[in-house]
Protein backbone atom coordinates (compact mmCIF):
# COMPACT_ATOMS: atom_id res chain seq x y z
CA UNK A 1 -94.10 73.86 113.68
CA UNK A 2 -93.03 74.01 109.76
CA UNK A 3 -90.19 73.82 108.17
CA UNK A 4 -89.08 75.53 104.89
CA UNK A 5 -85.76 74.96 102.37
CA UNK A 6 -83.99 78.42 101.68
CA UNK A 7 -82.70 80.22 99.05
CA UNK A 8 -81.16 83.50 98.96
CA UNK A 9 -79.23 84.77 95.17
CA UNK A 10 -76.47 86.78 94.17
CA UNK A 11 -75.93 89.59 96.49
CA UNK A 12 -78.03 88.23 99.38
CA UNK A 13 -75.37 85.87 100.07
CA UNK A 14 -73.10 87.94 100.72
CA UNK A 15 -75.38 89.81 103.18
CA UNK A 16 -76.31 87.22 105.11
CA UNK A 17 -72.75 85.41 105.18
CA UNK A 18 -71.42 89.18 106.59
CA UNK A 19 -74.65 88.52 109.57
CA UNK A 20 -73.46 84.66 109.92
CA UNK A 21 -76.66 82.92 108.51
CA UNK A 22 -76.88 80.19 106.23
CA UNK A 23 -77.87 80.77 102.75
CA UNK A 24 -78.27 78.24 100.79
CA UNK A 25 -81.00 74.80 101.24
CA UNK A 26 -81.01 75.83 104.95
CA UNK A 27 -83.99 74.13 106.47
CA UNK A 28 -85.90 77.19 108.51
CA UNK A 29 -88.25 75.87 111.57
CA UNK A 30 -90.54 79.39 111.33
CA UNK A 31 -93.86 79.65 113.50
CA UNK A 32 -97.20 78.67 111.43
CA UNK A 33 -98.95 82.12 110.05
CA UNK A 34 -95.13 82.87 108.42
CA UNK A 35 -95.58 85.39 105.45
CA UNK A 36 -92.37 85.94 103.21
CA UNK A 37 -92.20 89.67 104.65
CA UNK A 38 -92.14 88.07 108.25
CA UNK A 39 -88.98 85.97 106.62
CA UNK A 40 -87.28 88.63 105.27
CA UNK A 41 -87.34 90.39 108.38
CA UNK A 42 -86.53 86.91 109.97
CA UNK A 43 -82.85 86.54 107.97
CA UNK A 44 -82.40 89.93 108.75
CA UNK A 45 -82.89 91.48 105.72
CA UNK A 46 -85.02 94.68 105.05
CA UNK A 47 -87.70 94.61 101.86
CA UNK A 48 -85.47 96.87 99.70
CA UNK A 49 -83.15 94.21 99.73
CA UNK A 50 -85.13 91.44 98.16
CA UNK A 51 -86.83 92.09 94.79
CA UNK A 52 -89.02 88.70 94.09
CA UNK A 53 -89.15 85.90 96.68
CA UNK A 54 -90.30 82.36 95.32
CA UNK A 55 -92.03 80.07 96.50
CA UNK A 56 -91.93 76.34 95.14
CA UNK A 57 -90.62 78.01 91.96
CA UNK A 58 -92.91 81.12 90.97
CA UNK A 59 -93.19 84.79 92.54
CA UNK A 60 -95.25 85.00 95.40
CA UNK A 61 -96.14 88.23 96.92
CA UNK A 62 -94.45 88.89 99.72
CA UNK A 63 -97.86 89.03 102.11
CA UNK A 64 -97.72 84.90 100.87
CA UNK A 65 -97.85 82.13 104.23
CA UNK A 66 -95.56 80.28 104.11
CA UNK A 67 -95.95 76.68 104.49
CA UNK A 68 -94.13 73.46 105.47
CA UNK A 69 -91.91 72.10 102.64
CA UNK A 70 -92.58 74.94 101.23
CA UNK A 71 -89.22 76.26 99.35
CA UNK A 72 -88.69 79.83 99.92
CA UNK A 73 -86.00 82.15 97.65
CA UNK A 74 -84.89 85.65 97.87
CA UNK A 75 -83.67 86.97 94.93
CA UNK A 76 -82.07 91.14 95.53
CA UNK A 77 -82.86 93.98 92.70
CA UNK A 78 -80.73 94.40 90.08
CA UNK A 79 -80.69 90.66 88.96
CA UNK A 80 -79.34 90.38 85.07
CA UNK A 81 -81.20 88.61 82.86
CA UNK A 82 -83.14 88.05 79.93
CA UNK A 83 -85.62 85.60 81.13
CA UNK A 84 -86.78 88.81 84.57
CA UNK A 85 -90.75 88.47 82.50
CA UNK A 86 -90.83 85.14 81.81
CA UNK A 87 -90.06 84.08 85.73
CA UNK A 88 -92.76 86.51 86.77
CA UNK A 89 -90.97 89.85 87.91
CA UNK A 90 -90.44 93.18 86.27
CA UNK A 91 -88.59 95.96 87.20
CA UNK A 92 -90.56 98.40 89.69
CA UNK A 93 -89.30 101.16 87.28
CA UNK A 94 -91.46 99.36 85.34
CA UNK A 95 -94.88 98.98 86.33
């Protein structure tokens, strides 16, 4: 079974901590065929909680199938910063 490294950023860390779930550099065993969206559910979060999914340092669609040794990170909505466009994500309001 594939094993990924998972990280959550900003407000998501607090949500996961409240659920007694690890959120930083955690090795997570997933089933083959698990998508980033599936992982959101597995981590007891909702799609509304997560604005962007990074897989191996790049923004990826929610339906990306995760593979063994992938590095996956969730970024919540409202994360500020001038690098949003350079990193490959933007506010939903902006299209």
